Protein backbone atom coordinates (compact mmCIF):
# COMPACT_ATOMS: atom_id res chain seq x y z
CA MET A 1 27.49 -27.38 -41.09
CA ALA A 2 24.86 -28.90 -39.46
CA SER A 3 26.18 -27.53 -36.13
CA ALA A 4 26.95 -23.66 -37.58
CA GLY A 5 23.50 -24.10 -37.91
CA VAL A 6 22.65 -24.64 -34.07
CA ARG A 7 25.34 -23.04 -33.09
CA ARG A 8 22.53 -19.44 -34.55
CA GLY A 9 20.01 -20.91 -32.97
CA PHE A 10 21.77 -21.55 -29.61
CA GLY A 11 22.64 -17.62 -29.96
CA GLY A 12 18.86 -16.71 -31.41
CA VAL A 13 17.66 -18.95 -27.82
CA ILE A 14 20.16 -17.17 -25.66
CA TYR A 15 19.00 -13.29 -27.04
CA LEU A 16 16.01 -14.21 -26.78
CA ILE A 17 16.06 -15.24 -23.41
CA LEU A 18 17.60 -12.84 -22.21
CA ALA A 19 15.73 -10.18 -23.84
CA PHE A 20 12.58 -11.52 -22.52
CA GLY A 21 14.41 -11.61 -18.68
CA LEU A 22 15.54 -8.29 -18.73
CA GLY A 23 11.69 -7.11 -19.74
CA VAL A 24 10.56 -8.97 -16.33
CA TYR A 25 12.68 -7.57 -14.84
CA PHE A 26 11.98 -3.96 -15.12
CA THR A 27 9.07 -4.66 -15.31
CA PHE A 28 9.30 -6.06 -12.00
CA ALA A 29 11.94 -2.68 -11.49
CA ALA A 30 8.51 -0.21 -13.43
CA VAL A 31 6.09 -1.39 -11.38
CA GLN A 32 7.40 -3.26 -7.41
CA GLY A 33 10.35 -0.82 -7.19
CA ASP A 34 11.56 1.74 -5.08
CA TYR A 35 9.94 4.09 -7.17
CA GLY A 36 7.29 1.91 -8.93
CA MET A 37 3.50 1.78 -9.03
CA PHE A 38 2.87 0.89 -6.07
CA ALA A 39 5.91 3.30 -4.09
CA ARG A 40 3.43 5.83 -5.76
CA ILE A 41 0.61 5.33 -4.79
CA ALA A 42 1.34 5.15 -1.07
CA ILE A 43 3.60 8.38 -2.03
CA ASN A 44 0.62 9.91 -2.62
CA ALA A 45 -1.64 8.62 0.17
CA GLU A 46 1.04 9.18 2.65
CA ALA A 47 0.82 12.66 0.94
CA ALA A 48 -2.77 12.91 2.05
CA ASP A 49 -2.82 12.16 5.31
CA LEU A 50 0.00 14.69 5.78
CA THR A 51 -2.08 17.36 3.74
CA GLU A 52 -4.71 16.71 6.56
CA GLU A 53 -2.82 16.23 8.94
CA ARG A 54 -1.40 20.30 8.31
CA ASP A 55 -4.38 21.68 7.96
CA ARG A 56 -5.34 20.51 11.15
CA LEU A 57 -2.88 21.71 13.08
CA ALA A 58 -3.20 25.01 11.00
CA ALA A 59 -6.88 25.49 12.09
CA GLU A 60 -5.31 24.05 16.13
CA LEU A 61 -2.93 26.94 16.10
CA ALA A 62 -4.99 29.75 14.41
CA GLU A 63 -7.60 28.81 17.15
CA MET A 64 -5.07 29.17 20.16
CA GLN A 65 -3.52 31.88 18.97
CA ASN A 66 -6.82 33.51 19.28
CA LEU A 67 -7.73 32.38 22.82
CA THR A 68 -4.10 33.72 23.34
CA ARG A 69 -4.90 37.45 21.91
CA ARG A 70 -7.96 37.04 23.70
CA LEU A 71 -6.42 36.49 26.67
CA SER A 72 -3.56 39.37 26.74
CA ASP A 73 -2.84 42.02 28.38
CA ASP A 74 -3.63 43.93 25.09
CA TYR A 75 -7.09 42.47 25.00
CA LEU A 76 -8.73 40.72 28.06
CA ASP A 77 -12.29 39.78 27.32
CA LEU A 78 -13.89 38.25 30.27
CA ASP A 79 -16.30 36.00 29.16
CA LEU A 80 -13.46 33.25 28.78
CA LEU A 81 -11.11 34.69 31.35
CA ASP A 82 -14.76 34.03 33.45
CA GLN A 83 -14.98 30.26 31.95
CA GLN A 84 -10.80 29.31 32.02
CA THR A 85 -11.20 30.62 35.86
CA ARG A 86 -14.04 27.90 36.45
CA ASP A 87 -12.47 25.07 34.19
CA VAL A 88 -9.29 25.16 35.14
CA LEU A 89 -9.00 26.28 38.90
CA GLY A 90 -12.56 24.96 39.62
CA TYR A 91 -13.77 28.16 40.89
CA MET A 92 -17.81 29.15 41.64
CA ARG A 93 -19.81 32.50 41.96
CA ALA A 94 -21.34 32.55 45.69
CA ASP A 95 -25.29 32.78 43.84
CA GLU A 96 -24.34 29.80 42.10
CA ILE A 97 -24.77 26.34 42.84
CA ALA A 98 -23.24 23.01 41.92
CA ILE A 99 -24.83 19.79 40.63
CA ARG A 100 -23.21 16.90 40.26
């Protein structure tokens, strides 16, 4: 009769250990897993960095498109052309003095 009571108690302990183990596993997975809280924080930080980089590249693209349009055949900005000639080719006007 005493062994039946021991078996019921032993089964309850195994059930409790199993339930506790599953709880610990799922808690760990919710925090540390591939889709856990830490992964979500890292993904959000990366998304913010990529959004910032996208905005920077969009501004750079708009600036390049503006400069390209200003040097096109349809619209020629003589000041920009003069600046590019000086920067890229190193040209100067005859009335200028170069100081190094």
